[in-house]
Structure formats: structure tokens, C-alpha cells
């Protein structure tokens, strides 16, 4: 079951190692950490570091990993970005379908 859908016009992606360098103000904009590549996803960026900018993004929260995996099968590969199973909270990050 889908618990929550959050849409972002822009979401910023950076390597996990950057967490040691980002200031607290930016870290407050943390959305999730991906399990596929451990990248961090934030709703704002710090101009002092390079972030990949992702546009028209949905972050979907699920109540179980099984529901998340079932939903992942339906997401076209070209829209899929990452997933997260950290802290027993299950998310998928993907581009919005047009």
C-alpha cells in the first residue's frame, strides 16, 4: 500500500560522502538516502558542491518492502532512479510519468 507521494519540481542528488561536508542548513533539506547507490537526495542544494539536478520527481513511500517491490515492477526503467529500504521505511524515487 502506498502511504505517501511527495512530488518535487527539483530534487538534488549527491554522493553519500558529501554528508561530511554539507552544512546543517542543507542537511535539514534531506529527503532520503538511496539503497541502490547510497546517494543522498535533498530538496535544496548547496552551491559550494556539485549536485545532480533531477526534475519532476516523485518519491513514494510504502508500508512494506513487498508492496514497494511490486510497484517497482510497474515503473518503466527509463523513469526509475533509486529506491530506499533504510530504517524499515520503503521508498521509490522516479521521474513523473507524463
PDB file of N, CA and C in Angstrom:
ATOM      1  N   UNK A   1       0.829  -1.171   0.000  1.00  0.00           N
ATOM      2  CA  UNK A   1       0.000   0.000   0.000  1.00  0.00           C
ATOM      3  C   UNK A   1       0.884   1.249   0.000  1.00  0.00           C
ATOM      4  N   UNK A   2       0.503   2.217  -0.812  1.00  0.00           N
ATOM      5  CA  UNK A   2       1.207   3.494  -0.854  1.00  0.00           C
ATOM      6  C   UNK A   2       0.777   4.315   0.358  1.00  0.00           C
ATOM      7  N   UNK A   3       1.773   4.792   1.092  1.00  0.00           N
ATOM      8  CA  UNK A   3       1.498   5.590   2.290  1.00  0.00           C
ATOM      9  C   UNK A   3       1.523   7.093   1.995  1.00  0.00           C
ATOM     10  N   UNK A   4       2.421   7.492   1.095  1.00  0.00           N
ATOM     11  CA  UNK A   4       2.591   8.912   0.820  1.00  0.00           C
ATOM     12  C   UNK A   4       3.256   9.084  -0.540  1.00  0.00           C
ATOM     13  N   UNK A   5       2.883  10.141  -1.251  1.00  0.00           N
ATOM     14  CA  UNK A   5       3.529  10.517  -2.503  1.00  0.00           C
ATOM     15  C   UNK A   5       3.943  11.972  -2.367  1.00  0.00           C
ATOM     16  N   UNK A   6       5.228  12.221  -2.519  1.00  0.00           N
ATOM     17  CA  UNK A   6       5.742  13.593  -2.464  1.00  0.00           C
ATOM     18  C   UNK A   6       6.298  13.929  -3.842  1.00  0.00           C
ATOM     19  N   UNK A   7       5.853  15.049  -4.412  1.00  0.00           N
ATOM     20  CA  UNK A   7       6.319  15.471  -5.731  1.00  0.00           C
ATOM     21  C   UNK A   7       7.266  16.653  -5.580  1.00  0.00           C
ATOM     22  N   UNK A   8       8.311  16.623  -6.395  1.00  0.00           N
ATOM     23  CA  UNK A   8       9.317  17.683  -6.383  1.00  0.00           C
ATOM     24  C   UNK A   8       9.526  18.180  -7.807  1.00  0.00           C
ATOM     25  N   UNK A   9       9.476  19.493  -7.986  1.00  0.00           N
ATOM     26  CA  UNK A   9       9.856  20.043  -9.287  1.00  0.00           C
ATOM     27  C   UNK A   9      11.346  19.832  -9.507  1.00  0.00           C
ATOM     28  N   UNK A  10      12.116  19.953  -8.419  1.00  0.00           N
ATOM     29  CA  UNK A  10      13.556  19.682  -8.462  1.00  0.00           C
ATOM     30  C   UNK A  10      13.955  18.933  -7.196  1.00  0.00           C
ATOM     31  N   UNK A  11      14.779  17.919  -7.391  1.00  0.00           N
ATOM     32  CA  UNK A  11      15.357  17.162  -6.289  1.00  0.00           C
ATOM     33  C   UNK A  11      16.842  17.049  -6.600  1.00  0.00           C
ATOM     34  N   UNK A  12      17.673  17.188  -5.581  1.00  0.00           N
ATOM     35  CA  UNK A  12      19.121  17.242  -5.784  1.00  0.00           C
ATOM     36  C   UNK A  12      19.776  15.987  -5.243  1.00  0.00           C
ATOM     37  N   UNK A  13      20.661  15.435  -6.038  1.00  0.00           N
ATOM     38  CA  UNK A  13      21.328  14.168  -5.732  1.00  0.00           C
ATOM     39  C   UNK A  13      22.823  14.411  -5.590  1.00  0.00           C
ATOM     40  N   UNK A  14      23.419  13.812  -4.546  1.00  0.00           N
ATOM     41  CA  UNK A  14      24.856  13.943  -4.321  1.00  0.00           C
ATOM     42  C   UNK A  14      25.366  12.654  -3.687  1.00  0.00           C
ATOM     43  N   UNK A  15      26.644  12.362  -3.899  1.00  0.00           N
ATOM     44  CA  UNK A  15      27.236  11.147  -3.330  1.00  0.00           C
ATOM     45  C   UNK A  15      27.198  11.180  -1.812  1.00  0.00           C
ATOM     46  N   UNK A  16      27.078  10.018  -1.218  1.00  0.00           N
ATOM     47  CA  UNK A  16      26.925   9.894   0.236  1.00  0.00           C
ATOM     48  C   UNK A  16      28.085  10.511   1.011  1.00  0.00           C
ATOM     49  N   UNK A  17      29.292  10.454   0.473  1.00  0.00           N
ATOM     50  CA  UNK A  17      30.448  11.013   1.178  1.00  0.00           C
ATOM     51  C   UNK A  17      30.309  12.508   1.442  1.00  0.00           C
ATOM     52  N   UNK A  18      29.475  13.168   0.683  1.00  0.00           N
ATOM     53  CA  UNK A  18      29.295  14.614   0.846  1.00  0.00           C
ATOM     54  C   UNK A  18      28.662  14.974   2.181  1.00  0.00           C
ATOM     55  N   UNK A  19      28.046  14.022   2.834  1.00  0.00           N
ATOM     56  CA  UNK A  19      27.392  14.313   4.119  1.00  0.00           C
ATOM     57  C   UNK A  19      28.395  14.881   5.129  1.00  0.00           C
ATOM     58  N   UNK A  20      29.653  14.558   4.963  1.00  0.00           N
ATOM     59  CA  UNK A  20      30.698  15.066   5.861  1.00  0.00           C
ATOM     60  C   UNK A  20      31.035  16.530   5.614  1.00  0.00           C
ATOM     61  N   UNK A  21      30.579  17.086   4.483  1.00  0.00           N
ATOM     62  CA  UNK A  21      30.965  18.443   4.097  1.00  0.00           C
ATOM     63  C   UNK A  21      29.800  19.423   4.028  1.00  0.00           C
ATOM     64  N   UNK A  22      28.586  18.919   3.946  1.00  0.00           N
ATOM     65  CA  UNK A  22      27.426  19.798   3.796  1.00  0.00           C
ATOM     66  C   UNK A  22      27.075  20.452   5.127  1.00  0.00           C
ATOM     67  N   UNK A  23      26.636  21.703   5.047  1.00  0.00           N
ATOM     68  CA  UNK A  23      26.297  22.407   6.286  1.00  0.00           C
ATOM     69  C   UNK A  23      24.941  21.952   6.828  1.00  0.00           C
ATOM     70  N   UNK A  24      24.679  22.258   8.075  1.00  0.00           N
ATOM     71  CA  UNK A  24      23.459  21.803   8.750  1.00  0.00           C
ATOM     72  C   UNK A  24      22.197  22.319   8.074  1.00  0.00           C
ATOM     73  N   UNK A  25      22.260  23.532   7.566  1.00  0.00           N
ATOM     74  CA  UNK A  25      21.084  24.114   6.914  1.00  0.00           C
ATOM     75  C   UNK A  25      20.670  23.274   5.705  1.00  0.00           C
ATOM     76  N   UNK A  26      21.625  22.831   4.919  1.00  0.00           N
ATOM     77  CA  UNK A  26      21.333  21.994   3.754  1.00  0.00           C
ATOM     78  C   UNK A  26      20.915  20.598   4.201  1.00  0.00           C
ATOM     79  N   UNK A  27      21.559  20.060   5.212  1.00  0.00           N
ATOM     80  CA  UNK A  27      21.205  18.720   5.690  1.00  0.00           C
ATOM     81  C   UNK A  27      19.779  18.658   6.235  1.00  0.00           C
ATOM     82  N   UNK A  28      19.238  19.788   6.649  1.00  0.00           N
ATOM     83  CA  UNK A  28      17.844  19.830   7.079  1.00  0.00           C
ATOM     84  C   UNK A  28      16.893  19.586   5.910  1.00  0.00           C
ATOM     85  N   UNK A  29      17.391  19.713   4.691  1.00  0.00           N
ATOM     86  CA  UNK A  29      16.585  19.515   3.484  1.00  0.00           C
ATOM     87  C   UNK A  29      16.711  18.073   2.964  1.00  0.00           C
ATOM     88  N   UNK A  30      17.287  17.213   3.786  1.00  0.00           N
ATOM     89  CA  UNK A  30      17.453  15.802   3.438  1.00  0.00           C
ATOM     90  C   UNK A  30      16.089  15.154   3.211  1.00  0.00           C
ATOM     91  N   UNK A  31      15.959  14.406   2.111  1.00  0.00           N
ATOM     92  CA  UNK A  31      14.719  13.699   1.804  1.00  0.00           C
ATOM     93  C   UNK A  31      14.894  12.212   2.082  1.00  0.00           C
ATOM     94  N   UNK A  32      15.948  11.606   1.519  1.00  0.00           N
ATOM     95  CA  UNK A  32      16.219  10.194   1.759  1.00  0.00           C
ATOM     96  C   UNK A  32      17.591   9.831   1.234  1.00  0.00           C
ATOM     97  N   UNK A  33      18.060   8.653   1.646  1.00  0.00           N
ATOM     98  CA  UNK A  33      19.296   8.089   1.121  1.00  0.00           C
ATOM     99  C   UNK A  33      18.939   6.839   0.340  1.00  0.00           C
ATOM    100  N   UNK A  34      19.388   6.783  -0.902  1.00  0.00           N
ATOM    101  CA  UNK A  34      19.081   5.645  -1.750  1.00  0.00           C
ATOM    102  C   UNK A  34      19.828   4.395  -1.319  1.00  0.00           C
ATOM    103  N   UNK A  35      19.234   3.250  -1.561  1.00  0.00           N
ATOM    104  CA  UNK A  35      19.875   1.964  -1.256  1.00  0.00           C
ATOM    105  C   UNK A  35      20.619   1.412  -2.458  1.00  0.00           C
ATOM    106  N   UNK A  36      20.258   1.852  -3.656  1.00  0.00           N
ATOM    107  CA  UNK A  36      20.900   1.355  -4.872  1.00  0.00           C
ATOM    108  C   UNK A  36      22.347   1.838  -4.957  1.00  0.00           C
ATOM    109  N   UNK A  37      22.549   3.104  -4.669  1.00  0.00           N
ATOM    110  CA  UNK A  37      23.879   3.693  -4.834  1.00  0.00           C
ATOM    111  C   UNK A  37      24.314   4.529  -3.630  1.00  0.00           C
ATOM    112  N   UNK A  38      23.512   4.556  -2.584  1.00  0.00           N
ATOM    113  CA  UNK A  38      23.768   5.282  -1.338  1.00  0.00           C
ATOM    114  C   UNK A  38      23.779   6.793  -1.502  1.00  0.00           C
ATOM    115  N   UNK A  39      23.400   7.288  -2.677  1.00  0.00           N
ATOM    116  CA  UNK A  39      23.353   8.732  -2.874  1.00  0.00           C
ATOM    117  C   UNK A  39      22.343   9.370  -1.935  1.00  0.00           C
ATOM    118  N   UNK A  40      22.581  10.650  -1.642  1.00  0.00           N
ATOM    119  CA  UNK A  40      21.666  11.447  -0.821  1.00  0.00           C
ATOM    120  C   UNK A  40      20.765  12.250  -1.753  1.00  0.00           C
ATOM    121  N   UNK A  41      19.518  12.406  -1.361  1.00  0.00           N
ATOM    122  CA  UNK A  41      18.560  13.209  -2.106  1.00  0.00           C
ATOM    123  C   UNK A  41      18.071  14.309  -1.186  1.00  0.00           C
ATOM    124  N   UNK A  42      18.171  15.550  -1.675  1.00  0.00           N
ATOM    125  CA  UNK A  42      17.809  16.714  -0.875  1.00  0.00           C
ATOM    126  C   UNK A  42      16.886  17.627  -1.666  1.00  0.00           C
ATOM    127  N   UNK A  43      16.061  18.381  -0.957  1.00  0.00           N
ATOM    128  CA  UNK A  43      15.125  19.283  -1.622  1.00  0.00           C
ATOM    129  C   UNK A  43      15.756  20.632  -1.963  1.00  0.00           C
ATOM    130  N   UNK A  44      16.933  20.905  -1.421  1.00  0.00           N
ATOM    131  CA  UNK A  44      17.691  22.108  -1.778  1.00  0.00           C
ATOM    132  C   UNK A  44      19.152  21.719  -1.922  1.00  0.00           C
ATOM    133  N   UNK A  45      19.918  22.562  -2.614  1.00  0.00           N
ATOM    134  CA  UNK A  45      21.333  22.251  -2.814  1.00  0.00           C
ATOM    135  C   UNK A  45      22.214  23.333  -2.207  1.00  0.00           C
ATOM    136  N   UNK A  46      23.458  22.989  -2.036  1.00  0.00           N
ATOM    137  CA  UNK A  46      24.496  23.905  -1.573  1.00  0.00           C
ATOM    138  C   UNK A  46      25.338  24.243  -2.799  1.00  0.00           C
ATOM    139  N   UNK A  47      25.382  25.512  -3.168  1.00  0.00           N
ATOM    140  CA  UNK A  47      26.094  25.917  -4.382  1.00  0.00           C
ATOM    141  C   UNK A  47      27.602  25.693  -4.311  1.00  0.00           C
ATOM    142  N   UNK A  48      28.119  25.355  -3.134  1.00  0.00           N
ATOM    143  CA  UNK A  48      29.555  25.099  -2.997  1.00  0.00           C
ATOM    144  C   UNK A  48      29.938  23.700  -3.466  1.00  0.00           C
ATOM    145  N   UNK A  49      28.941  22.851  -3.749  1.00  0.00           N
ATOM    146  CA  UNK A  49      29.210  21.464  -4.144  1.00  0.00           C
ATOM    147  C   UNK A  49      28.413  21.123  -5.385  1.00  0.00           C
ATOM    148  N   UNK A  50      28.886  20.115  -6.092  1.00  0.00           N
ATOM    149  CA  UNK A  50      28.195  19.686  -7.303  1.00  0.00           C
ATOM    150  C   UNK A  50      27.069  18.705  -6.938  1.00  0.00           C
ATOM    151  N   UNK A  51      25.882  19.031  -7.351  1.00  0.00           N
ATOM    152  CA  UNK A  51      24.709  18.171  -7.198  1.00  0.00           C
ATOM    153  C   UNK A  51      24.159  17.860  -8.578  1.00  0.00           C
ATOM    154  N   UNK A  52      23.686  16.653  -8.791  1.00  0.00           N
ATOM    155  CA  UNK A  52      22.887  16.369  -9.972  1.00  0.00           C
ATOM    156  C   UNK A  52      21.494  16.910  -9.688  1.00  0.00           C
ATOM    157  N   UNK A  53      20.916  17.577 -10.660  1.00  0.00           N
ATOM    158  CA  UNK A  53      19.578  18.116 -10.508  1.00  0.00           C
ATOM    159  C   UNK A  53      18.609  17.216 -11.251  1.00  0.00           C
ATOM    160  N   UNK A  54      17.627  16.716 -10.530  1.00  0.00           N
ATOM    161  CA  UNK A  54      16.590  15.866 -11.103  1.00  0.00           C
ATOM    162  C   UNK A  54      15.304  16.672 -11.140  1.00  0.00           C
ATOM    163  N   UNK A  55      14.582  16.618 -12.243  1.00  0.00           N
ATOM    164  CA  UNK A  55      13.358  17.412 -12.393  1.00  0.00           C
ATOM    165  C   UNK A  55      12.130  16.524 -12.489  1.00  0.00           C
ATOM    166  N   UNK A  56      11.018  17.034 -11.950  1.00  0.00           N
ATOM    167  CA  UNK A  56       9.727  16.349 -11.999  1.00  0.00           C
ATOM    168  C   UNK A  56       9.816  14.945 -11.406  1.00  0.00           C
ATOM    169  N   UNK A  57      10.036  14.919 -10.116  1.00  0.00           N
ATOM    170  CA  UNK A  57      10.311  13.678  -9.383  1.00  0.00           C
ATOM    171  C   UNK A  57       9.171  13.338  -8.443  1.00  0.00           C
ATOM    172  N   UNK A  58       8.915  12.046  -8.303  1.00  0.00           N
ATOM    173  CA  UNK A  58       8.012  11.539  -7.280  1.00  0.00           C
ATOM    174  C   UNK A  58       8.804  10.662  -6.323  1.00  0.00           C
ATOM    175  N   UNK A  59       8.577  10.875  -5.043  1.00  0.00           N
ATOM    176  CA  UNK A  59       9.116   9.999  -4.003  1.00  0.00           C
ATOM    177  C   UNK A  59       7.905   9.348  -3.348  1.00  0.00           C
ATOM    178  N   UNK A  60       7.834   8.029  -3.470  1.00  0.00           N
ATOM    179  CA  UNK A  60       6.660   7.291  -2.992  1.00  0.00           C
ATOM    180  C   UNK A  60       7.067   6.430  -1.808  1.00  0.00           C
ATOM    181  N   UNK A  61       6.307   6.555  -0.718  1.00  0.00           N
ATOM    182  CA  UNK A  61       6.553   5.765   0.491  1.00  0.00           C
ATOM    183  C   UNK A  61       5.547   4.618   0.552  1.00  0.00           C
ATOM    184  N   UNK A  62       6.036   3.437   0.922  1.00  0.00           N
ATOM    185  CA  UNK A  62       5.213   2.233   1.012  1.00  0.00           C
ATOM    186  C   UNK A  62       5.206   1.700   2.434  1.00  0.00           C
ATOM    187  N   UNK A  63       4.168   0.941   2.758  1.00  0.00           N
ATOM    188  CA  UNK A  63       4.075   0.378   4.101  1.00  0.00           C
ATOM    189  C   UNK A  63       4.900  -0.897   4.259  1.00  0.00           C
ATOM    190  N   UNK A  64       5.212  -1.595   3.170  1.00  0.00           N
ATOM    191  CA  UNK A  64       6.034  -2.810   3.247  1.00  0.00           C
ATOM    192  C   UNK A  64       7.000  -2.862   2.079  1.00  0.00           C
ATOM    193  N   UNK A  65       8.062  -3.601   2.271  1.00  0.00           N
ATOM    194  CA  UNK A  65       9.026  -3.791   1.187  1.00  0.00           C
ATOM    195  C   UNK A  65       8.380  -4.557   0.035  1.00  0.00           C
ATOM    196  N   UNK A  66       7.518  -5.495   0.332  1.00  0.00           N
ATOM    197  CA  UNK A  66       6.854  -6.278  -0.703  1.00  0.00           C
ATOM    198  C   UNK A  66       6.010  -5.375  -1.610  1.00  0.00           C
ATOM    199  N   UNK A  67       5.277  -4.441  -1.018  1.00  0.00           N
ATOM    200  CA  UNK A  67       4.485  -3.506  -1.818  1.00  0.00           C
ATOM    201  C   UNK A  67       5.377  -2.624  -2.678  1.00  0.00           C
ATOM    202  N   UNK A  68       6.496  -2.199  -2.121  1.00  0.00           N
ATOM    203  CA  UNK A  68       7.432  -1.384  -2.875  1.00  0.00           C
ATOM    204  C   UNK A  68       7.971  -2.172  -4.075  1.00  0.00           C
ATOM    205  N   UNK A  69       8.394  -3.414  -3.849  1.00  0.00           N
ATOM    206  CA  UNK A  69       8.958  -4.233  -4.930  1.00  0.00           C
ATOM    207  C   UNK A  69       7.922  -4.509  -6.013  1.00  0.00           C
ATOM    208  N   UNK A  70       6.693  -4.724  -5.620  1.00  0.00           N
ATOM    209  CA  UNK A  70       5.618  -4.954  -6.600  1.00  0.00           C
ATOM    210  C   UNK A  70       5.400  -3.704  -7.451  1.00  0.00           C
ATOM    211  N   UNK A  71       5.399  -2.544  -6.822  1.00  0.00           N
ATOM    212  CA  UNK A  71       5.224  -1.290  -7.539  1.00  0.00           C
ATOM    213  C   UNK A  71       6.404  -1.035  -8.482  1.00  0.00           C
ATOM    214  N   UNK A  72       7.611  -1.363  -8.034  1.00  0.00           N
ATOM    215  CA  UNK A  72       8.810  -1.154  -8.859  1.00  0.00           C
ATOM    216  C   UNK A  72       8.705  -1.866 -10.199  1.00  0.00           C
ATOM    217  N   UNK A  73       8.057  -2.996 -10.224  1.00  0.00           N
ATOM    218  CA  UNK A  73       7.902  -3.755 -11.469  1.00  0.00           C
ATOM    219  C   UNK A  73       7.089  -2.978 -12.501  1.00  0.00           C
ATOM    220  N   UNK A  74       6.262  -2.054 -12.041  1.00  0.00           N
ATOM    221  CA  UNK A  74       5.381  -1.295 -12.919  1.00  0.00           C
ATOM    222  C   UNK A  74       5.999   0.005 -13.421  1.00  0.00           C
ATOM    223  N   UNK A  75       7.111   0.412 -12.808  1.00  0.00           N
ATOM    224  CA  UNK A  75       7.755   1.672 -13.192  1.00  0.00           C
ATOM    225  C   UNK A  75       8.652   1.410 -14.405  1.00  0.00           C
ATOM    226  N   UNK A  76       8.424   2.108 -15.516  1.00  0.00           N
ATOM    227  CA  UNK A  76       9.302   1.927 -16.676  1.00  0.00           C
ATOM    228  C   UNK A  76      10.762   2.206 -16.302  1.00  0.00           C
ATOM    229  N   UNK A  77      11.653   1.393 -16.825  1.00  0.00           N
ATOM    230  CA  UNK A  77      13.078   1.511 -16.471  1.00  0.00           C
ATOM    231  C   UNK A  77      13.624   2.900 -16.721  1.00  0.00           C
ATOM    232  N   UNK A  78      13.157   3.559 -17.771  1.00  0.00           N
ATOM    233  CA  UNK A  78      13.690   4.886 -18.091  1.00  0.00           C
ATOM    234  C   UNK A  78      13.237   5.953 -17.084  1.00  0.00           C
ATOM    235  N   UNK A  79      12.236   5.645 -16.265  1.00  0.00           N
ATOM    236  CA  UNK A  79      11.762   6.590 -15.253  1.00  0.00           C
ATOM    237  C   UNK A  79      12.317   6.297 -13.863  1.00  0.00           C
ATOM    238  N   UNK A  80      12.789   5.089 -13.653  1.00  0.00           N
ATOM    239  CA  UNK A  80      13.264   4.665 -12.334  1.00  0.00           C
ATOM    240  C   UNK A  80      14.604   5.322 -12.006  1.00  0.00           C
ATOM    241  N   UNK A  81      14.750   5.811 -10.772  1.00  0.00           N
ATOM    242  CA  UNK A  81      16.007   6.428 -10.331  1.00  0.00           C
ATOM    243  C   UNK A  81      16.632   5.624  -9.207  1.00  0.00           C
ATOM    244  N   UNK A  82      15.913   5.394  -8.132  1.00  0.00           N
ATOM    245  CA  UNK A  82      16.506   4.748  -6.958  1.00  0.00           C
ATOM    246  C   UNK A  82      15.384   4.237  -6.055  1.00  0.00           C
ATOM    247  N   UNK A  83      15.770   3.515  -5.035  1.00  0.00           N
ATOM    248  CA  UNK A  83      14.858   3.046  -4.006  1.00  0.00           C
ATOM    249  C   UNK A  83      15.576   3.135  -2.673  1.00  0.00           C
ATOM    250  N   UNK A  84      14.817   3.034  -1.594  1.00  0.00           N
ATOM    251  CA  UNK A  84      15.416   3.053  -0.267  1.00  0.00           C
ATOM    252  C   UNK A  84      14.675   2.078   0.630  1.00  0.00           C
ATOM    253  N   UNK A  85      15.457   1.285   1.346  1.00  0.00           N
ATOM    254  CA  UNK A  85      14.889   0.360   2.337  1.00  0.00           C
ATOM    255  C   UNK A  85      15.549   0.604   3.696  1.00  0.00           C
ATOM    256  N   UNK A  86      16.036   1.807   3.885  1.00  0.00           N
ATOM    257  CA  UNK A  86      16.735   2.159   5.119  1.00  0.00           C
ATOM    258  C   UNK A  86      15.744   2.397   6.248  1.00  0.00           C
ATOM    259  N   UNK A  87      16.093   1.950   7.436  1.00  0.00           N
ATOM    260  CA  UNK A  87      15.300   2.192   8.649  1.00  0.00           C
ATOM    261  C   UNK A  87      13.865   1.667   8.548  1.00  0.00           C
ATOM    262  N   UNK A  88      13.702   0.593   7.789  1.00  0.00           N
ATOM    263  CA  UNK A  88      12.388  -0.054   7.635  1.00  0.00           C
ATOM    264  C   UNK A  88      11.333   0.892   7.079  1.00  0.00           C
ATOM    265  N   UNK A  89      11.790   1.864   6.314  1.00  0.00           N
ATOM    266  CA  UNK A  89      10.905   2.753   5.573  1.00  0.00           C
ATOM    267  C   UNK A  89      11.232   2.519   4.100  1.00  0.00           C
ATOM    268  N   UNK A  90      10.218   2.343   3.279  1.00  0.00           N
ATOM    269  CA  UNK A  90      10.418   1.885   1.912  1.00  0.00           C
ATOM    270  C   UNK A  90       9.974   2.962   0.920  1.00  0.00           C
ATOM    271  N   UNK A  91      10.918   3.400   0.078  1.00  0.00           N
ATOM    272  CA  UNK A  91      10.677   4.474  -0.872  1.00  0.00           C
ATOM    273  C   UNK A  91      11.131   4.064  -2.274  1.00  0.00           C
ATOM    274  N   UNK A  92      10.474   4.659  -3.256  1.00  0.00           N
ATOM    275  CA  UNK A  92      10.924   4.621  -4.644  1.00  0.00           C
ATOM    276  C   UNK A  92      11.049   6.070  -5.106  1.00  0.00           C
ATOM    277  N   UNK A  93      12.113   6.342  -5.853  1.00  0.00           N
ATOM    278  CA  UNK A  93      12.317   7.660  -6.458  1.00  0.00           C
ATOM    279  C   UNK A  93      12.254   7.455  -7.961  1.00  0.00           C
ATOM    280  N   UNK A  94      11.358   8.193  -8.632  1.00  0.00           N
ATOM    281  CA  UNK A  94      11.296   8.082 -10.085  1.00  0.00           C
ATOM    282  C   UNK A  94      10.794   9.380 -10.691  1.00  0.00           C
ATOM    283  N   UNK A  95      11.071   9.516 -12.005  1.00  0.00           N
ATOM    284  CA  UNK A  95      10.547  10.668 -12.739  1.00  0.00           C
ATOM    285  C   UNK A  95       9.040  10.503 -12.869  1.00  0.00           C
ATOM    286  N   UNK A  96       8.331  11.619 -12.843  1.00  0.00           N
ATOM    287  CA  UNK A  96       6.880  11.574 -13.033  1.00  0.00           C
ATOM    288  C   UNK A  96       6.562  11.108 -14.435  1.00  0.00           C
ATOM    289  N   UNK A  97       5.494  10.359 -14.550  1.00  0.00           N
ATOM    290  CA  UNK A  97       5.000   9.946 -15.866  1.00  0.00           C
ATOM    291  C   UNK A  97       4.274  11.125 -16.482  1.00  0.00           C
ATOM    292  N   UNK A  98       4.502  11.337 -17.768  1.00  0.00           N
ATOM    293  CA  UNK A  98       3.817  12.459 -18.451  1.00  0.00           C
ATOM    294  C   UNK A  98       2.417  12.075 -18.853  1.00  0.00           C
TER     295      UNK A  98
END
